């Protein structure tokens, strides 16, 4: 007699509801009611004057009602195109560094959002070095943790469920981290260059070994990398300094050093395997390889032979890069980034992103970045209660299919409110995917690959056109949080 074990499913994520009337948003709603009141007051004087006020108001509010599938209105699309044309006019879409450039010092500084970043290094309670990235413009500090997650093969479903629950608990703890602005998980995959295998096997072959055994081992070293891949997982945590406070950088580094052991312990309990902070040199190496994938074998060889590369942050950038409308050209690679527009609908199993995280054939490197924005408990309670009231109103105000879908929304809102009241955390998340190939001619094949991957993962992605350089930086394990680097504040964008 055989018994079938039920595999757990997960879900209940919901897109945040925008405050306001229908598609207008909060600002548009104020504009609608304010315009109507103004029109009524003017109509007391003259109907023609009221018409003069009403027509421009309607024309100004109409673009707010026209939204794309990912929720952007016409004003946001127009602002994106204007920003792209301004960058091209100023020439900021191109970047050249090094001794022959006009950059001070003649070094290879990272471009774009990383141009004003400085690197320092501290040591945690176990005397392990860790790098700290300082974003001086926003006064943000980022630490990077590296881990080797346990694979899902030959693992019981109960153990997987425990890992997922522990990961959810670790994310919920982030909302209690003082001054934490956001976190990200970056999974990077690439074809294995074979450097590590060669450095481990070839030096151990004895000179008097049998020719047949020697030939077998050399053939394994030569052919194995063509069918294997390397995978690295990084977790970044970005902290901020409260406005009005002035803290010395050494004091901030000491504070972060105290937090690292507790954060690593939570990752190990969530199936993160062996976890450790990344040193400043290791972070610089990751960024250097991302901009110039051709040097990945040399970096691994130098680390295996000398124990390190000695690379500094000021030399981790590319020699030259050019941003186009739909791609980002940098040193020996061409990259394209996609943004998440729709999370998986309904419930999914724990392996829903398995194919998306694996190495993709025909690509030089691939990075999947999950961005998390923890919400403090007070704000979480306010959000879930507002969503609950909105869902109840929609469920009782419609008919037919609309009412059935609204009833499902109300059930999800009730479950979220109950879980939040029981102590669960509320986290906003998104996903970004960067694929790097050797030439622009291979981007068409990369598009097909990504289309197949997102279909298997039950998600919807769109290319980050006209902002490829910034999106590329967001998928690097350096703690770039998009909502912290926008000209328009995040709260105002939500109101739109």
Protein backbone atom coordinates (compact mmCIF):
# COMPACT_ATOMS: atom_id res chain seq x y z
CA UNK A 1 0.00 0.00 0.00
CA UNK A 2 1.37 3.41 -0.95
CA UNK A 3 0.44 6.72 0.59
CA UNK A 4 0.70 9.98 -1.31
CA UNK A 5 2.20 12.88 0.64
CA UNK A 6 0.54 16.22 -0.04
CA UNK A 7 3.06 18.82 -1.14
CA UNK A 8 2.55 22.24 0.49
CA UNK A 9 1.62 25.22 -1.64
CA UNK A 10 2.28 28.91 -1.12
CA UNK A 11 0.76 32.18 -2.25
CA UNK A 12 -1.58 34.93 -1.03
CA UNK A 13 0.59 37.76 -2.30
CA UNK A 14 -1.41 40.75 -3.47
CA UNK A 15 -0.62 43.86 -5.44
CA UNK A 16 -0.87 46.95 -3.17
CA UNK A 17 -4.02 48.95 -3.76
CA UNK A 18 -3.57 52.56 -4.78
CA UNK A 19 -5.59 55.02 -2.73
CA UNK A 20 -8.00 57.13 -4.70
CA UNK A 21 -10.98 56.93 -7.01
CA UNK A 22 -10.63 54.20 -9.64
CA UNK A 23 -7.56 54.63 -11.85
CA UNK A 24 -6.90 58.24 -10.82
CA UNK A 25 -4.83 57.60 -7.72
CA UNK A 26 -4.79 59.87 -4.69
CA UNK A 27 -3.46 62.94 -6.50
CA UNK A 28 -5.82 62.44 -9.42
CA UNK A 29 -8.77 62.06 -7.05
CA UNK A 30 -7.95 65.36 -5.37
CA UNK A 31 -7.68 66.90 -8.82
CA UNK A 32 -11.08 65.54 -9.86
CA UNK A 33 -12.96 66.76 -6.80
CA UNK A 34 -11.04 70.03 -6.66
CA UNK A 35 -11.73 70.68 -10.33
CA UNK A 36 -15.43 69.91 -9.95
CA UNK A 37 -15.74 72.30 -7.01
CA UNK A 38 -13.88 74.99 -8.94
CA UNK A 39 -16.07 74.43 -12.01
CA UNK A 40 -19.26 74.74 -9.95
CA UNK A 41 -18.05 77.98 -8.39
CA UNK A 42 -17.09 79.44 -11.75
CA UNK A 43 -20.44 78.35 -13.28
CA UNK A 44 -22.18 80.69 -10.86
CA UNK A 45 -20.54 83.55 -12.74
CA UNK A 46 -20.63 82.27 -16.31
CA UNK A 47 -21.25 78.97 -18.07
CA UNK A 48 -18.60 79.82 -20.68
CA UNK A 49 -16.00 80.39 -17.98
CA UNK A 50 -16.95 77.06 -16.38
CA UNK A 51 -16.44 75.35 -19.74
CA UNK A 52 -13.02 77.01 -20.07
CA UNK A 53 -12.04 75.54 -16.70
CA UNK A 54 -13.57 72.09 -17.27
CA UNK A 55 -12.00 71.31 -20.67
CA UNK A 56 -8.32 71.76 -19.63
CA UNK A 57 -9.06 69.88 -16.40
CA UNK A 58 -10.48 66.92 -18.32
CA UNK A 59 -7.55 66.92 -20.75
CA UNK A 60 -5.08 67.01 -17.85
CA UNK A 61 -6.72 64.15 -15.96
CA UNK A 62 -7.41 61.90 -18.96
CA UNK A 63 -3.83 60.49 -19.15
CA UNK A 64 -4.21 59.25 -15.56
CA UNK A 65 -7.00 56.89 -16.64
CA UNK A 66 -4.94 55.35 -19.47
CA UNK A 67 -2.68 52.74 -17.92
CA UNK A 68 -0.51 49.96 -19.31
CA UNK A 69 -0.68 46.35 -18.15
CA UNK A 70 1.94 46.99 -15.46
CA UNK A 71 -0.03 49.94 -14.01
CA UNK A 72 1.89 52.90 -15.46
CA UNK A 73 -0.07 55.88 -16.74
CA UNK A 74 0.77 58.09 -19.71
CA UNK A 75 2.48 60.71 -17.56
CA UNK A 76 4.92 58.13 -16.22
CA UNK A 77 5.66 56.86 -19.72
CA UNK A 78 6.21 60.41 -20.92
CA UNK A 79 8.56 61.15 -18.00
CA UNK A 80 10.56 58.01 -18.84
CA UNK A 81 11.02 59.07 -22.46
CA UNK A 82 11.91 62.64 -21.53
CA UNK A 83 14.54 61.38 -19.09
CA UNK A 84 16.02 59.12 -21.75
CA UNK A 85 16.23 61.91 -24.33
CA UNK A 86 17.86 64.22 -21.77
CA UNK A 87 20.52 61.63 -20.94
CA UNK A 88 21.28 61.13 -24.62
CA UNK A 89 21.47 64.88 -25.21
CA UNK A 90 23.97 65.29 -22.36
CA UNK A 91 25.94 62.20 -23.38
CA UNK A 92 25.48 60.55 -19.98
CA UNK A 93 24.42 57.29 -21.66
CA UNK A 94 28.10 56.65 -22.47
CA UNK A 95 30.92 56.09 -19.99
CA UNK A 96 34.70 55.87 -20.38
CA UNK A 97 37.16 55.37 -17.54
CA UNK A 98 40.80 54.47 -17.05
CA UNK A 99 44.09 56.33 -17.59
CA UNK A 100 43.10 57.66 -21.03
CA UNK A 101 39.79 59.12 -19.85
CA UNK A 102 39.12 62.45 -18.21
CA UNK A 103 38.23 60.81 -14.91
CA UNK A 104 40.35 62.01 -11.97
CA UNK A 105 42.98 59.49 -10.92
CA UNK A 106 42.72 57.42 -14.08
CA UNK A 107 41.02 54.51 -12.33
CA UNK A 108 38.12 52.30 -13.42
CA UNK A 109 35.35 53.58 -11.18
CA UNK A 110 31.91 51.93 -11.49
CA UNK A 111 29.45 54.11 -13.43
CA UNK A 112 25.91 55.38 -12.94
CA UNK A 113 24.30 54.78 -9.57
CA UNK A 114 27.62 53.41 -8.27
CA UNK A 115 29.73 56.42 -9.22
CA UNK A 116 29.50 58.02 -5.76
CA UNK A 117 29.86 54.82 -3.75
CA UNK A 118 32.85 54.29 -1.46
CA UNK A 119 34.02 51.06 0.10
CA UNK A 120 35.29 50.40 3.60
CA UNK A 121 35.92 47.21 5.52
CA UNK A 122 35.28 46.02 9.06
CA UNK A 123 35.45 42.79 11.07
CA UNK A 124 32.58 41.03 12.77
CA UNK A 125 32.52 39.24 16.12
CA UNK A 126 34.26 36.21 14.59
CA UNK A 127 37.03 38.41 13.12
CA UNK A 128 35.79 37.87 9.56
CA UNK A 129 36.28 40.80 7.15
CA UNK A 130 33.19 42.31 5.57
CA UNK A 131 32.84 45.13 3.08
CA UNK A 132 30.58 48.13 3.64
CA UNK A 133 29.33 50.16 0.68
CA UNK A 134 28.51 53.78 1.48
CA UNK A 135 26.10 55.68 -0.78
CA UNK A 136 27.10 59.21 0.17
CA UNK A 137 24.29 60.90 -1.78
CA UNK A 138 21.57 59.05 0.18
CA UNK A 139 23.66 58.27 3.28
CA UNK A 140 23.00 54.54 2.96
CA UNK A 141 25.23 51.67 4.06
CA UNK A 142 25.13 48.19 2.51
CA UNK A 143 26.61 44.88 3.63
CA UNK A 144 26.71 41.75 1.46
CA UNK A 145 26.33 38.19 2.73
CA UNK A 146 27.23 35.15 0.65
CA UNK A 147 25.73 31.71 1.13
CA UNK A 148 25.63 28.30 -0.52
CA UNK A 149 21.96 27.16 -0.24
CA UNK A 150 21.17 23.49 0.12
CA UNK A 151 19.72 22.03 -3.04
CA UNK A 152 16.15 20.78 -3.27
CA UNK A 153 17.03 17.35 -4.67
CA UNK A 154 16.27 14.34 -2.46
CA UNK A 155 14.82 16.60 0.25
CA UNK A 156 11.58 15.70 2.01
CA UNK A 157 8.63 18.09 1.44
CA UNK A 158 8.39 18.60 5.22
CA UNK A 159 11.96 19.87 5.29
CA UNK A 160 11.28 22.21 2.37
CA UNK A 161 8.23 23.55 4.20
CA UNK A 162 10.39 24.18 7.29
CA UNK A 163 12.93 26.06 5.17
CA UNK A 164 10.24 28.22 3.60
CA UNK A 165 8.72 28.98 7.00
CA UNK A 166 12.17 29.87 8.39
CA UNK A 167 12.81 32.12 5.39
CA UNK A 168 9.49 33.86 5.97
CA UNK A 169 10.41 34.32 9.62
CA UNK A 170 13.79 35.77 8.63
CA UNK A 171 12.08 38.25 6.30
CA UNK A 172 9.62 39.17 9.05
CA UNK A 173 12.55 39.90 11.36
CA UNK A 174 13.86 42.45 8.87
CA UNK A 175 10.91 44.72 9.66
CA UNK A 176 12.28 44.98 13.21
CA UNK A 177 15.83 45.78 12.06
CA UNK A 178 16.53 49.39 13.08
CA UNK A 179 16.84 51.73 10.08
CA UNK A 180 16.79 48.93 7.49
CA UNK A 181 15.76 50.40 4.13
CA UNK A 182 15.58 47.22 2.09
CA UNK A 183 17.16 43.89 1.21
CA UNK A 184 17.79 41.85 -1.90
CA UNK A 185 18.67 38.28 -2.82
CA UNK A 186 20.78 37.91 -5.97
CA UNK A 187 21.27 34.49 -7.55
CA UNK A 188 23.98 34.56 -10.22
CA UNK A 189 24.64 31.69 -12.61
CA UNK A 190 27.24 31.27 -15.32
CA UNK A 191 28.92 28.46 -17.28
CA UNK A 192 31.73 26.93 -15.26
CA UNK A 193 35.10 27.97 -16.78
CA UNK A 194 36.73 24.89 -15.25
CA UNK A 195 39.36 26.87 -13.40
CA UNK A 196 38.46 25.56 -9.95
CA UNK A 197 38.30 21.94 -11.12
CA UNK A 198 41.65 22.23 -12.89
CA UNK A 199 43.32 23.81 -9.85
CA UNK A 200 42.02 21.01 -7.65
CA UNK A 201 42.72 18.01 -9.91
CA UNK A 202 45.82 18.74 -12.02
CA UNK A 203 48.24 19.49 -9.15
CA UNK A 204 47.28 16.16 -7.53
CA UNK A 205 48.18 14.04 -10.56
CA UNK A 206 51.48 12.32 -9.85
CA UNK A 207 54.22 12.28 -12.43
CA UNK A 208 54.48 8.47 -12.28
CA UNK A 209 50.73 7.90 -12.67
CA UNK A 210 49.60 5.36 -15.27
CA UNK A 211 49.10 6.99 -18.70
CA UNK A 212 45.50 5.74 -18.93
CA UNK A 213 44.52 7.18 -15.55
CA UNK A 214 46.32 10.43 -16.34
CA UNK A 215 44.48 10.73 -19.68
CA UNK A 216 41.12 10.08 -18.03
CA UNK A 217 41.64 12.79 -15.41
CA UNK A 218 42.84 15.32 -17.99
CA UNK A 219 39.82 14.59 -20.18
CA UNK A 220 37.48 15.06 -17.21
CA UNK A 221 39.06 18.45 -16.47
CA UNK A 222 38.70 19.44 -20.12
CA UNK A 223 35.13 18.29 -20.77
CA UNK A 224 33.33 18.66 -17.44
CA UNK A 225 32.96 22.48 -17.53
CA UNK A 226 30.98 22.32 -20.80
CA UNK A 227 28.13 20.55 -18.99
CA UNK A 228 28.28 22.32 -15.63
CA UNK A 229 27.64 25.77 -14.26
CA UNK A 230 28.54 27.83 -11.25
CA UNK A 231 25.92 29.41 -8.99
CA UNK A 232 26.39 32.08 -6.34
CA UNK A 233 23.83 33.52 -3.94
CA UNK A 234 24.21 36.92 -2.31
CA UNK A 235 22.03 38.72 0.25
CA UNK A 236 22.38 42.49 0.56
CA UNK A 237 21.08 44.57 3.45
CA UNK A 238 20.91 48.35 3.13
CA UNK A 239 20.66 50.58 6.20
CA UNK A 240 20.06 54.30 6.46
CA UNK A 241 20.81 57.03 8.94
CA UNK A 242 17.83 58.93 10.40
CA UNK A 243 17.53 62.53 9.27
CA UNK A 244 19.08 64.95 11.68
CA UNK A 245 21.56 62.43 13.07
CA UNK A 246 25.28 62.53 12.36
CA UNK A 247 27.11 59.27 12.90
CA UNK A 248 30.73 58.52 12.22
CA UNK A 249 31.37 55.88 9.57
CA UNK A 250 33.46 53.82 11.99
CA UNK A 251 30.53 53.79 14.42
CA UNK A 252 28.20 52.56 11.68
CA UNK A 253 30.62 49.78 10.70
CA UNK A 254 30.86 48.66 14.33
CA UNK A 255 27.07 48.59 14.61
CA UNK A 256 26.80 46.46 11.47
CA UNK A 257 29.50 44.08 12.73
CA UNK A 258 27.37 43.32 15.79
CA UNK A 259 24.31 42.45 13.65
CA UNK A 260 26.01 40.12 11.16
CA UNK A 261 26.21 36.91 13.31
CA UNK A 262 22.48 36.98 14.09
CA UNK A 263 21.58 37.57 10.45
CA UNK A 264 23.80 34.69 9.32
CA UNK A 265 22.26 32.33 11.89
CA UNK A 266 18.81 33.03 10.46
CA UNK A 267 20.02 32.31 6.93
CA UNK A 268 21.52 28.96 7.95
CA UNK A 269 18.23 27.95 9.57
CA UNK A 270 16.37 28.83 6.37
CA UNK A 271 18.44 26.41 4.26
CA UNK A 272 21.13 28.91 3.34
CA UNK A 273 23.91 26.40 3.96
CA UNK A 274 27.30 27.86 4.80
CA UNK A 275 26.95 31.65 5.02
CA UNK A 276 29.57 34.32 5.58
CA UNK A 277 29.96 38.05 4.93
CA UNK A 278 31.75 39.16 1.77
CA UNK A 279 34.96 41.10 2.11
CA UNK A 280 35.57 44.35 0.26
CA UNK A 281 37.87 42.56 -2.19
CA UNK A 282 35.26 39.87 -2.90
CA UNK A 283 32.54 42.46 -3.58
CA UNK A 284 34.84 44.28 -5.99
CA UNK A 285 35.56 40.99 -7.79
CA UNK A 286 31.84 40.26 -8.25
CA UNK A 287 31.23 43.72 -9.75
CA UNK A 288 34.34 43.46 -11.94
CA UNK A 289 33.24 40.14 -13.42
CA UNK A 290 29.68 41.42 -13.97
CA UNK A 291 30.95 44.28 -16.13
CA UNK A 292 33.61 42.18 -17.89
CA UNK A 293 32.56 38.50 -17.94
CA UNK A 294 35.65 37.53 -19.95
CA UNK A 295 37.89 37.94 -16.87
CA UNK A 296 35.94 35.48 -14.69
CA UNK A 297 38.44 32.66 -15.35
CA UNK A 298 41.39 34.91 -14.54
CA UNK A 299 39.77 36.04 -11.29
CA UNK A 300 39.13 32.45 -10.19
CA UNK A 301 42.66 31.43 -11.15
CA UNK A 302 44.20 34.31 -9.20
CA UNK A 303 42.13 33.48 -6.13
CA UNK A 304 43.09 29.81 -6.35
CA UNK A 305 46.78 30.51 -6.88
CA UNK A 306 47.40 33.53 -4.66
CA UNK A 307 44.41 33.49 -2.29
CA UNK A 308 43.05 36.79 -3.61
CA UNK A 309 43.22 39.30 -6.41
CA UNK A 310 43.94 42.50 -4.51
CA UNK A 311 41.18 44.22 -6.49
CA UNK A 312 39.84 47.47 -5.04
CA UNK A 313 36.45 49.10 -5.49
CA UNK A 314 37.85 51.99 -7.52
CA UNK A 315 39.04 49.49 -10.17
CA UNK A 316 35.89 47.31 -10.29
CA UNK A 317 34.12 49.26 -13.05
CA UNK A 318 34.24 48.86 -16.83
CA UNK A 319 36.65 50.56 -19.19
CA UNK A 320 33.72 51.70 -21.37
CA UNK A 321 29.98 51.15 -21.54
CA UNK A 322 27.11 52.44 -23.68
CA UNK A 323 23.43 52.39 -22.80
CA UNK A 324 20.90 52.01 -25.59
CA UNK A 325 17.13 51.98 -25.44
CA UNK A 326 16.91 48.22 -24.98
CA UNK A 327 20.41 47.01 -24.02
CA UNK A 328 23.51 47.85 -22.02
CA UNK A 329 26.92 47.34 -23.68
CA UNK A 330 29.83 46.97 -21.24
CA UNK A 331 33.37 45.73 -21.92
CA UNK A 332 33.08 42.09 -23.08
CA UNK A 333 29.32 41.69 -22.65
CA UNK A 334 25.91 42.98 -23.65
CA UNK A 335 23.14 42.84 -21.06
CA UNK A 336 19.41 43.26 -20.98
CA UNK A 337 17.26 43.50 -17.86
CA UNK A 338 13.61 42.62 -17.31
CA UNK A 339 11.27 43.81 -14.55
CA UNK A 340 8.48 41.89 -12.82
CA UNK A 341 4.99 43.09 -13.70
CA UNK A 342 2.84 40.22 -12.40
CA UNK A 343 3.59 37.69 -9.65
CA UNK A 344 2.37 34.08 -10.01
CA UNK A 345 -1.39 33.92 -9.73
CA UNK A 346 -2.97 31.59 -7.23
CA UNK A 347 -0.92 29.14 -5.19
CA UNK A 348 2.43 27.72 -6.28
CA UNK A 349 4.87 25.13 -5.00
CA UNK A 350 8.32 25.80 -3.60
CA UNK A 351 10.06 25.02 -6.91
CA UNK A 352 8.16 27.59 -9.00
CA UNK A 353 11.35 29.61 -9.64
CA UNK A 354 13.61 26.61 -10.09
CA UNK A 355 13.94 26.96 -13.85
CA UNK A 356 14.36 30.73 -13.65
CA UNK A 357 17.28 30.42 -11.23
CA UNK A 358 19.16 27.75 -13.15
CA UNK A 359 21.86 28.60 -15.69
CA UNK A 360 20.38 29.36 -19.11
CA UNK A 361 22.12 27.88 -22.15
CA UNK A 362 23.56 30.36 -24.62
CA UNK A 363 24.11 33.11 -22.03
CA UNK A 364 27.35 34.36 -20.51
CA UNK A 365 25.88 35.25 -17.12
CA UNK A 366 22.40 35.51 -15.62
CA UNK A 367 21.32 37.23 -12.41
CA UNK A 368 17.93 37.04 -10.72
CA UNK A 369 17.42 39.69 -8.04
CA UNK A 370 14.57 39.54 -5.55
CA UNK A 371 14.07 42.95 -3.95
CA UNK A 372 12.41 43.21 -0.53
CA UNK A 373 11.07 46.29 1.25
CA UNK A 374 10.13 45.35 4.82
CA UNK A 375 7.31 47.36 6.37
CA UNK A 376 7.29 48.21 10.04
CA UNK A 377 4.53 46.59 12.21
CA UNK A 378 2.53 49.81 12.70
CA UNK A 379 2.37 50.54 8.98
CA UNK A 380 1.64 46.86 8.21
CA UNK A 381 -1.44 46.89 10.43
CA UNK A 382 -2.72 50.04 8.76
CA UNK A 383 -2.19 48.63 5.27
CA UNK A 384 -3.87 45.27 5.86
CA UNK A 385 -6.88 46.92 7.52
CA UNK A 386 -7.25 49.35 4.62
CA UNK A 387 -7.05 46.47 2.11
CA UNK A 388 -9.57 44.53 4.18
CA UNK A 389 -12.11 47.38 4.12
CA UNK A 390 -11.58 47.95 0.41
CA UNK A 391 -12.05 44.23 -0.34
CA UNK A 392 -15.23 44.08 1.71
CA UNK A 393 -16.62 47.12 -0.11
CA UNK A 394 -15.85 45.63 -3.53
CA UNK A 395 -17.38 42.27 -2.58
CA UNK A 396 -20.70 43.85 -1.61
CA UNK A 397 -20.98 46.41 -4.42
CA UNK A 398 -20.81 44.25 -7.55
CA UNK A 399 -22.70 41.48 -9.25
CA UNK A 400 -21.93 38.34 -11.20
CA UNK A 401 -18.28 37.61 -12.02
CA UNK A 402 -17.13 40.86 -10.48
CA UNK A 403 -18.65 39.86 -7.17
CA UNK A 404 -17.09 36.37 -7.33
CA UNK A 405 -13.62 37.75 -7.96
CA UNK A 406 -14.11 40.36 -5.25
CA UNK A 407 -15.13 37.61 -2.83
CA UNK A 408 -11.83 35.86 -3.54
CA UNK A 409 -9.99 39.13 -2.90
CA UNK A 410 -11.85 39.52 0.38
CA UNK A 411 -10.87 36.02 1.48
CA UNK A 412 -7.21 36.77 0.73
CA UNK A 413 -7.41 40.09 2.58
CA UNK A 414 -8.98 38.42 5.61
CA UNK A 415 -6.24 35.79 5.69
CA UNK A 416 -3.53 38.45 5.41
CA UNK A 417 -5.08 40.46 8.25
CA UNK A 418 -5.30 37.36 10.45
CA UNK A 419 -1.68 36.40 9.77
CA UNK A 420 -0.46 39.95 10.43
CA UNK A 421 -2.39 40.05 13.70
CA UNK A 422 -0.71 36.76 14.69
CA UNK A 423 2.74 38.31 14.25
CA UNK A 424 3.60 37.77 10.57
CA UNK A 425 5.46 40.49 8.75
CA UNK A 426 4.41 42.42 5.67
CA UNK A 427 7.02 42.76 2.92
CA UNK A 428 6.80 44.35 -0.51
CA UNK A 429 8.79 42.45 -3.11
CA UNK A 430 9.71 42.56 -6.76
CA UNK A 431 11.97 40.69 -9.15
CA UNK A 432 14.51 41.75 -11.76
CA UNK A 433 16.32 39.55 -14.26
CA UNK A 434 19.54 40.41 -16.11
CA UNK A 435 20.93 38.28 -18.94
CA UNK A 436 24.43 38.93 -20.32
CA UNK A 437 25.51 37.62 -23.71
CA UNK A 438 28.62 38.06 -25.84
CA UNK A 439 27.16 40.26 -28.60
CA UNK A 440 24.04 42.21 -29.48
CA UNK A 441 23.13 39.58 -32.10
CA UNK A 442 22.43 37.09 -29.30
CA UNK A 443 19.85 39.30 -27.58
CA UNK A 444 17.06 37.90 -29.75
CA UNK A 445 17.83 34.39 -28.50
CA UNK A 446 18.01 35.73 -24.94
CA UNK A 447 14.51 37.20 -25.37
CA UNK A 448 13.16 33.80 -26.36
CA UNK A 449 14.92 32.16 -23.41
CA UNK A 450 13.47 34.65 -20.93
CA UNK A 451 10.00 34.29 -22.45
CA UNK A 452 10.14 30.53 -21.91
CA UNK A 453 11.49 30.90 -18.37
CA UNK A 454 8.81 33.33 -17.26
CA UNK A 455 6.09 31.10 -18.66
CA UNK A 456 7.40 28.17 -16.62
CA UNK A 457 7.63 30.36 -13.51
CA UNK A 458 4.09 31.74 -14.03
CA UNK A 459 5.28 35.34 -13.87
CA UNK A 460 5.13 38.26 -16.26
CA UNK A 461 8.21 40.33 -17.12
CA UNK A 462 8.78 43.40 -19.28
CA UNK A 463 12.10 44.81 -20.53
CA UNK A 464 13.47 47.79 -18.63
CA UNK A 465 13.72 49.84 -21.82
CA UNK A 466 15.31 53.31 -21.58
CA UNK A 467 16.65 52.54 -18.12
CA UNK A 468 18.88 49.55 -18.79
CA UNK A 469 21.96 50.99 -17.04
CA UNK A 470 20.11 51.65 -13.78
CA UNK A 471 18.34 48.28 -13.93
CA UNK A 472 21.69 46.53 -14.51
CA UNK A 473 23.05 48.15 -11.32
CA UNK A 474 19.96 47.04 -9.37
CA UNK A 475 20.67 43.37 -10.12
CA UNK A 476 24.25 43.59 -8.85
CA UNK A 477 24.80 42.46 -5.23
CA UNK A 478 25.67 45.97 -4.07
CA UNK A 479 22.41 47.01 -2.39
CA UNK A 480 20.95 49.40 -4.96
CA UNK A 481 17.30 49.92 -3.97
CA UNK A 482 15.33 51.53 -6.83
CA UNK A 483 12.88 53.37 -4.58
CA UNK A 484 15.78 55.07 -2.78
CA UNK A 485 17.33 56.53 -5.95
CA UNK A 486 14.40 58.25 -7.66
CA UNK A 487 13.87 61.96 -8.15
CA UNK A 488 10.19 61.62 -7.23
CA UNK A 489 9.76 60.30 -3.65
CA UNK A 490 8.37 56.80 -3.28
CA UNK A 491 5.32 58.03 -1.37
CA UNK A 492 4.43 60.48 -4.16
CA UNK A 493 4.79 57.75 -6.81
CA UNK A 494 2.34 55.58 -4.88
CA UNK A 495 -0.13 58.47 -4.83
CA UNK A 496 -0.01 58.63 -8.63
